[in-house]
Protein backbone atom coordinates (compact mmCIF):
# COMPACT_ATOMS: atom_id res chain seq x y z
CA MET A 1 19.28 -15.68 2.53
CA THR A 2 20.06 -16.02 -1.15
CA SER A 3 23.71 -16.10 -2.13
CA ARG A 4 22.81 -13.85 -5.05
CA THR A 5 21.87 -11.03 -2.69
CA ILE A 6 24.87 -11.53 -0.41
CA ASP A 7 27.47 -12.06 -3.12
CA GLY A 8 26.01 -9.73 -5.74
CA CYS A 9 26.40 -6.50 -3.74
CA MET A 10 28.91 -4.10 -5.34
CA LYS A 11 29.03 -1.86 -2.24
CA CYS A 12 28.24 1.12 -4.45
CA GLY A 13 26.12 2.77 -1.75
CA ALA A 14 23.16 3.55 -4.00
CA CYS A 15 20.70 1.88 -1.64
CA VAL A 16 22.16 3.76 1.33
CA ARG A 17 21.87 7.12 -0.42
CA GLU A 18 18.26 6.52 -1.43
CA CYS A 19 16.79 4.84 1.67
CA PRO A 20 14.09 7.19 3.05
CA VAL A 21 14.21 5.74 6.56
CA LEU A 22 17.99 6.12 6.79
CA LEU A 23 17.82 9.69 5.48
CA GLN A 24 15.23 10.62 8.09
CA GLU A 25 16.28 8.61 11.13
CA GLY A 26 20.05 8.60 10.61
CA ARG A 27 22.54 5.77 10.23
CA ASP A 28 22.78 5.15 13.98
CA ARG A 29 19.11 4.17 14.18
CA PHE A 30 18.78 2.58 10.76
CA PRO A 31 21.98 1.52 9.01
CA GLY A 32 20.19 0.85 5.73
CA PRO A 33 19.33 -2.10 3.51
CA ARG A 34 22.91 -3.05 2.67
CA ARG A 35 23.85 -3.58 6.31
CA LEU A 36 20.66 -5.45 7.17
CA ALA A 37 20.14 -7.56 4.05
CA VAL A 38 23.74 -8.12 2.91
CA GLU A 39 26.46 -7.39 5.44
CA GLY A 40 24.68 -8.72 8.53
CA PRO A 41 23.99 -12.16 7.03
CA ARG A 42 27.37 -12.23 5.27
CA PHE A 43 29.26 -11.79 8.52
CA ASN A 44 26.83 -13.87 10.59
CA GLU A 45 25.87 -11.03 12.90
CA GLU A 46 23.67 -11.94 15.83
CA LEU A 47 20.11 -11.39 14.70
CA SER A 48 19.16 -9.92 18.06
CA ALA A 49 21.56 -7.04 17.37
CA LEU A 50 19.65 -6.26 14.17
CA ARG A 51 16.19 -6.40 15.70
CA SER A 52 15.55 -2.70 16.26
CA PRO A 53 16.63 -1.52 12.79
CA LEU A 54 14.86 -4.45 11.13
CA GLU A 55 11.60 -3.07 12.51
CA LEU A 56 12.13 0.21 10.64
CA CYS A 57 12.23 -0.98 7.02
CA THR A 58 9.04 -0.01 5.17
CA THR A 59 9.87 -2.35 2.24
CA CYS A 60 9.29 0.64 -0.03
CA ALA A 61 11.57 -0.97 -2.69
CA ARG A 62 13.42 2.27 -3.40
CA CYS A 63 16.68 0.43 -2.74
CA ALA A 64 15.80 -2.26 -5.28
CA THR A 65 14.96 0.27 -7.99
CA VAL A 66 18.35 1.99 -7.74
CA CYS A 67 20.51 -1.12 -7.22
CA PRO A 68 22.75 -1.56 -10.30
CA SER A 69 22.83 -5.31 -9.65
CA ALA A 70 19.02 -5.44 -9.41
CA LEU A 71 19.24 -7.25 -6.07
CA PRO A 72 15.92 -8.06 -4.36
CA LEU A 73 16.90 -6.21 -1.19
CA PRO A 74 13.43 -5.86 0.39
CA GLU A 75 12.78 -9.59 -0.04
CA ALA A 76 16.19 -10.39 1.45
CA LEU A 77 15.48 -8.18 4.45
CA VAL A 78 12.13 -9.89 4.99
CA GLN A 79 13.97 -13.22 5.07
CA VAL A 80 16.18 -11.88 7.87
CA ARG A 81 13.05 -10.87 9.78
CA ARG A 82 11.69 -14.37 9.34
CA LEU A 83 14.82 -15.83 10.89
CA LEU A 84 14.77 -13.30 13.72
CA TYR A 85 11.19 -13.93 14.79
CA ARG A 86 11.63 -17.67 15.00
CA ASP A 87 13.27 -17.11 18.37
CA HIS A 88 12.14 -13.61 19.41
CA THR A 89 8.84 -11.99 20.27
CA ARG A 90 7.37 -9.42 17.93
CA PRO A 91 6.49 -5.78 18.64
CA GLU A 92 3.23 -5.32 20.54
CA GLY A 93 1.38 -3.81 17.57
CA GLN A 94 2.23 -6.79 15.40
CA GLU A 95 1.15 -9.22 18.11
CA ARG A 96 -2.27 -7.50 18.13
CA MET A 97 -2.47 -7.88 14.36
CA LEU A 98 -1.65 -11.58 14.63
CA ALA A 99 -4.30 -12.03 17.31
CA ASN A 100 -6.83 -10.52 14.90
CA MET A 101 -5.62 -12.92 12.22
CA ASP A 102 -6.14 -15.90 14.49
CA ARG A 103 -9.69 -14.75 15.29
CA THR A 104 -10.90 -13.58 11.88
CA LEU A 105 -8.24 -14.36 9.21
CA ARG A 106 -7.96 -10.59 8.73
CA THR A 107 -5.39 -8.17 10.13
CA VAL A 108 -7.77 -5.57 11.58
CA LEU A 109 -11.13 -5.68 13.28
CA PRO A 110 -13.72 -3.23 11.90
CA SER A 111 -13.74 0.06 13.79
CA GLY A 112 -17.28 0.90 12.64
CA PRO A 113 -19.85 0.02 9.98
CA VAL A 114 -18.42 -1.87 7.01
CA THR A 115 -19.39 -1.77 3.33
CA ASP A 116 -21.16 -4.90 2.20
CA VAL A 117 -19.83 -6.21 -1.11
CA PRO A 118 -22.28 -8.31 -3.17
CA SER A 119 -21.57 -12.03 -3.28
CA THR A 120 -22.57 -12.37 -6.94
CA GLY A 121 -21.51 -10.47 -10.05
CA ASP A 122 -19.20 -10.65 -13.04
CA LEU A 123 -16.01 -9.09 -11.65
CA LEU A 124 -14.13 -10.44 -8.64
CA PHE A 125 -13.27 -7.60 -6.24
CA PHE A 126 -10.92 -8.18 -3.31
CA PRO A 127 -11.73 -5.67 -0.52
CA GLY A 128 -8.57 -6.11 1.57
CA CYS A 129 -8.33 -5.89 5.36
CA ILE A 130 -7.57 -2.18 5.70
CA GLY A 131 -10.28 -1.05 3.30
CA HIS A 132 -12.83 -3.37 4.85
CA GLY A 133 -12.00 -2.67 8.48
CA ARG A 134 -10.72 0.91 8.57
CA TYR A 135 -11.67 2.71 5.36
CA PRO A 136 -15.11 1.53 4.16
CA GLU A 137 -15.66 4.68 2.11
CA GLY A 138 -12.81 3.51 -0.11
CA ILE A 139 -14.59 0.20 -0.71
CA THR A 140 -17.89 1.97 -1.42
CA SER A 141 -16.19 4.30 -3.89
CA SER A 142 -14.35 1.46 -5.63
CA LEU A 143 -17.62 -0.40 -6.12
CA SER A 144 -19.23 2.76 -7.49
CA LEU A 145 -16.41 3.33 -9.97
CA ILE A 146 -16.45 -0.30 -11.15
CA ARG A 147 -20.18 -0.02 -11.76
CA ALA A 148 -19.69 3.29 -13.55
CA VAL A 149 -17.47 1.56 -16.12
CA GLY A 150 -19.89 -1.32 -16.62
CA GLY A 151 -18.87 -3.97 -14.10
CA ARG A 152 -20.86 -5.87 -11.49
CA PRO A 153 -18.36 -6.36 -8.65
CA PHE A 154 -18.61 -9.12 -6.09
CA ALA A 155 -16.42 -10.59 -3.36
CA PRO A 156 -16.24 -14.24 -2.29
CA GLN A 157 -17.82 -14.86 1.08
CA GLY A 158 -15.27 -15.49 3.83
CA TRP A 159 -12.24 -14.02 2.06
CA ALA A 160 -9.10 -13.78 4.19
CA CYS A 161 -6.14 -11.39 4.30
CA CYS A 162 -4.06 -11.59 1.13
CA GLY A 163 -1.03 -12.32 3.32
CA SER A 164 1.10 -9.30 2.48
CA PRO A 165 1.43 -8.05 6.10
CA LEU A 166 2.29 -11.57 7.25
CA GLU A 167 5.01 -11.92 4.65
CA LYS A 168 6.47 -8.50 5.49
CA ILE A 169 6.90 -9.42 9.16
CA GLY A 170 8.15 -12.92 8.37
CA ASP A 171 5.21 -15.04 9.59
CA GLU A 172 5.40 -17.93 7.15
CA GLN A 173 3.03 -20.22 9.05
CA ARG A 174 0.04 -17.88 9.05
CA LEU A 175 0.89 -16.78 5.51
CA SER A 176 0.54 -20.36 4.26
CA ARG A 177 -2.78 -20.73 6.06
CA VAL A 178 -4.46 -17.65 4.54
CA GLU A 179 -3.11 -18.44 1.10
CA ALA A 180 -4.61 -21.93 1.17
CA HIS A 181 -7.92 -20.47 2.36
CA ASN A 182 -8.06 -17.85 -0.40
CA ARG A 183 -6.92 -20.16 -3.19
CA ALA A 184 -9.98 -22.30 -2.63
CA LEU A 185 -12.20 -19.22 -2.94
CA PHE A 186 -10.42 -17.85 -6.02
CA ARG A 187 -10.49 -21.14 -7.93
CA GLY A 188 -11.78 -20.56 -11.45
CA PHE A 189 -10.90 -16.85 -11.55
CA ASP A 190 -7.89 -15.31 -13.25
CA THR A 191 -8.68 -11.61 -12.98
CA VAL A 192 -9.36 -9.73 -9.77
CA VAL A 193 -9.60 -6.02 -8.98
CA THR A 194 -8.26 -4.59 -5.72
CA SER A 195 -8.21 -1.15 -4.14
CA CYS A 196 -5.00 -1.79 -2.17
CA PRO A 197 -1.59 -1.87 -3.91
CA GLY A 198 -0.24 -4.30 -1.32
CA CYS A 199 -3.04 -6.73 -2.15
CA THR A 200 -2.43 -6.23 -5.87
CA VAL A 201 1.24 -7.16 -5.51
CA GLN A 202 0.55 -10.12 -3.23
CA LEU A 203 -2.14 -11.65 -5.43
CA ARG A 204 0.12 -11.41 -8.44
CA LYS A 205 3.22 -12.74 -6.73
CA ARG A 206 1.83 -15.50 -4.54
CA TYR A 207 -1.46 -16.60 -6.11
CA GLY A 208 -0.72 -16.66 -9.83
CA LEU A 209 -3.64 -14.33 -10.51
CA ASP A 210 -3.78 -11.37 -12.87
CA PRO A 211 -4.84 -8.62 -10.45
CA GLN A 212 -5.60 -5.07 -11.45
CA HIS A 213 -5.46 -2.13 -9.11
CA ILE A 214 -8.72 -0.18 -9.25
CA ILE A 215 -6.92 2.69 -11.04
CA GLU A 216 -5.74 0.31 -13.77
CA HIS A 217 -9.22 -1.10 -14.14
CA ILE A 218 -11.21 2.11 -14.48
CA HIS A 219 -8.57 3.84 -16.62
CA GLY A 220 -8.13 0.79 -18.83
CA SER A 221 -11.87 0.51 -19.43
CA GLY A 222 -11.75 3.66 -21.56
CA ARG A 223 -15.25 4.52 -20.37
CA LEU A 224 -14.43 7.56 -18.26
CA CYS A 225 -13.89 10.98 -19.81
CA ARG A 226 -14.31 14.62 -18.84
CA SER A 227 -18.06 14.48 -19.40
CA SER A 228 -18.27 11.68 -16.80
CA PHE A 229 -17.60 14.18 -14.02
CA ASP A 230 -19.67 17.00 -12.57
CA PRO A 231 -18.70 20.30 -14.26
CA SER A 232 -20.21 22.32 -11.41
CA SER A 233 -17.87 20.95 -8.74
CA PRO A 234 -15.86 23.67 -6.97
CA PRO A 235 -12.21 24.16 -7.94
CA ILE A 236 -9.64 22.53 -5.70
CA LYS A 237 -5.88 22.12 -5.46
CA VAL A 238 -4.78 18.58 -4.73
CA ALA A 239 -1.46 16.83 -4.15
CA LEU A 240 -1.00 13.24 -5.30
CA HIS A 241 0.99 10.76 -3.21
CA SER A 242 2.67 7.86 -5.03
CA PRO A 243 2.23 4.70 -2.93
CA CYS A 244 5.48 2.72 -3.00
CA HIS A 245 4.04 -0.68 -3.85
CA LEU A 246 1.83 0.82 -6.54
CA ALA A 247 4.42 2.99 -8.27
CA ARG A 248 7.48 0.75 -7.89
CA ILE A 249 6.11 -2.79 -8.00
CA VAL A 250 2.75 -2.71 -9.78
CA GLY A 251 4.35 -0.17 -12.09
CA PRO A 252 4.90 3.55 -12.71
CA HIS A 253 2.17 3.49 -15.34
CA THR A 254 -0.36 3.48 -12.50
CA LEU A 255 0.57 6.99 -11.43
CA GLU A 256 0.35 8.19 -15.03
CA MET A 257 -3.14 6.71 -15.09
CA ALA A 258 -4.00 8.45 -11.82
CA ARG A 259 -2.92 11.81 -13.24
CA ASP A 260 -4.87 11.14 -16.44
CA LEU A 261 -8.00 10.52 -14.38
CA LEU A 262 -7.50 13.70 -12.37
CA ASP A 263 -7.06 15.64 -15.61
CA MET A 264 -10.58 14.53 -16.56
CA VAL A 265 -12.13 16.11 -13.46
CA PRO A 266 -13.24 19.74 -13.94
CA GLY A 267 -11.81 22.21 -11.45
CA VAL A 268 -8.88 20.08 -10.28
CA GLU A 269 -5.35 21.47 -10.13
CA VAL A 270 -2.62 19.00 -9.18
CA VAL A 271 0.21 20.76 -7.33
CA ASN A 272 3.74 19.40 -7.13
CA THR A 273 5.18 18.89 -3.67
CA GLY A 274 8.63 17.66 -4.65
CA LEU A 275 8.07 14.62 -2.41
CA GLU A 276 5.44 12.77 -4.44
CA ASP A 277 7.56 9.61 -4.66
CA ASP A 278 8.67 9.55 -1.02
CA CYS A 279 7.43 6.77 1.23
CA CYS A 280 4.63 7.65 3.68
CA GLY A 281 6.38 5.53 6.33
CA GLY A 282 3.63 3.07 7.17
CA GLY A 283 4.46 -0.01 5.11
CA GLY A 284 6.47 -3.11 5.92
CA GLY A 285 5.00 -3.41 9.40
CA VAL A 286 6.48 -0.07 10.52
CA ALA A 287 3.10 1.50 11.35
CA SER A 288 2.41 -1.30 13.83
CA ALA A 289 5.96 -1.81 15.13
CA ARG A 290 7.24 1.78 15.20
CA PRO A 291 4.36 4.24 14.82
CA ASP A 292 6.63 7.12 15.84
CA VAL A 293 8.79 6.60 12.75
CA ALA A 294 5.75 6.19 10.51
CA GLU A 295 4.32 9.44 11.86
CA ARG A 296 7.50 11.41 11.25
CA MET A 297 7.70 10.21 7.66
CA ALA A 298 4.02 10.92 7.05
CA GLY A 299 4.35 14.37 8.62
CA ARG A 300 7.08 15.29 6.17
CA LYS A 301 4.80 14.40 3.26
CA VAL A 302 1.85 16.34 4.66
CA GLN A 303 3.94 19.43 5.36
CA ALA A 304 5.25 19.38 1.78
CA ALA A 305 1.68 19.22 0.45
CA LEU A 306 0.67 22.16 2.63
CA ARG A 307 3.63 24.23 1.45
CA ALA A 308 2.60 23.52 -2.14
CA GLY A 309 -0.86 24.95 -1.45
CA ALA A 310 -2.78 21.67 -1.55
CA GLN A 311 -6.26 21.65 -0.05
CA LEU A 312 -6.46 17.88 -0.27
CA LEU A 313 -3.90 15.07 -0.33
CA LEU A 314 -4.86 12.09 -2.49
CA ALA A 315 -3.38 8.60 -2.32
CA PRO A 316 -4.54 5.57 -4.34
CA CYS A 317 -3.95 3.29 -1.35
CA PRO A 318 -6.13 2.94 1.78
CA PHE A 319 -3.16 2.15 4.01
CA CYS A 320 -1.29 5.29 2.92
CA VAL A 321 -4.48 7.31 3.43
CA ILE A 322 -4.78 6.14 7.02
CA ASN A 323 -1.10 6.69 7.82
CA LEU A 324 -1.00 10.17 6.25
CA GLY A 325 -4.35 11.05 7.79
CA ARG A 326 -3.03 10.51 11.32
CA ILE A 327 -1.10 13.78 11.03
CA GLY A 328 -4.38 15.68 11.08
CA LEU A 329 -3.17 18.86 9.36
CA LEU A 330 -4.66 18.19 5.93
CA ASN A 331 -7.62 16.27 4.59
CA VAL A 332 -6.42 12.99 3.08
CA GLN A 333 -8.54 10.84 0.79
CA ASP A 334 -8.16 7.79 -1.37
CA LEU A 335 -8.16 8.77 -5.03
CA THR A 336 -11.17 6.51 -5.56
CA VAL A 337 -13.20 8.45 -2.99
CA PHE A 338 -12.40 11.75 -4.68
CA LEU A 339 -13.19 10.48 -8.17
CA ALA A 340 -16.45 8.88 -7.07
CA SER A 341 -17.50 12.07 -5.27
CA ARG A 342 -17.26 13.98 -8.54
CA LEU A 343 -18.83 11.43 -10.85
CA LEU A 344 -22.11 12.52 -12.37
CA THR A 345 -23.35 8.96 -11.88
CA ALA A 346 -21.91 8.39 -8.40
CA GLU A 347 -24.07 5.96 -6.44
CA GLY A 348 -24.74 7.80 -3.25
CA ILE A 349 -21.14 8.95 -2.86
CA ASN A 350 -21.10 12.45 -1.47
CA SER A 351 -17.81 12.74 0.37
CA PRO A 352 -17.19 16.29 1.65
CA ILE A 353 -14.58 18.25 -0.27
CA PRO A 354 -12.93 21.26 1.40
């Protein structure tokens, strides 16, 4: 635990007031980032007493964005988790994830057919575990969009998990292993495009690469405009979810880009839910450790979108799509899937739109 985090806290309460898990679950179940990342270590609390609330942090980084001392609270909390799990077993869902890692170097096993990514091209694309194993239509759509703006995407054979889930749950040993594996594959490349914000952040922070999220790449190409999209597509009202790692860590410009892209699509009306920036509840290992909490947080987002009149909830993150989609009350899609479905030049993408 860094002394800067422990000693730099002003006890202003900003992180407590803004924490989405604390606001939903209450202080008794989740005392908030200050207690877990600052006060617990400062007063040498027994880690076992912090285990249950430590499982509830989504690492959404809302606390870090409002902290007047700019303390890295999510990173400090992850360090506490690392210390805890040296001597304690992990939640069952996380143990399953680690078993998958030991078998395949990826966090999830495919639940159905996967999208094959070419092994040669001119633009390195990192599929990510969730997209590859659980949301192949997102990978297909990302490839289609990259090709639409002039790229030839490829993925290195045998890529492994970027390591973000391992870092979030404090598994330093497996994290080091997958990083060494991927570094050998990425040697010679500086730029990589991803469809997952968590992968984008991890590749930038831990690998020294210059990753672009797919939204940054296609928007930054300048090759998409209103005439790129089918003018005969039916009108639709959509709500846009702001993934935490994309909006707060990759940067708020990404959501401006997402809205710019939606403005190009004929017939689209983006409705405001009032909860666009709220966490979906699935990140930081919460979806695997405490799915009940993740579901309650996702349900709140979906209900807000329904009240706003949305027919479709869009999220530029495959993990958020899966977590929000579990509620089942509203169709949820990755933004890439929606954009590709309305491209005039879409390569076989014909995702149903309500």
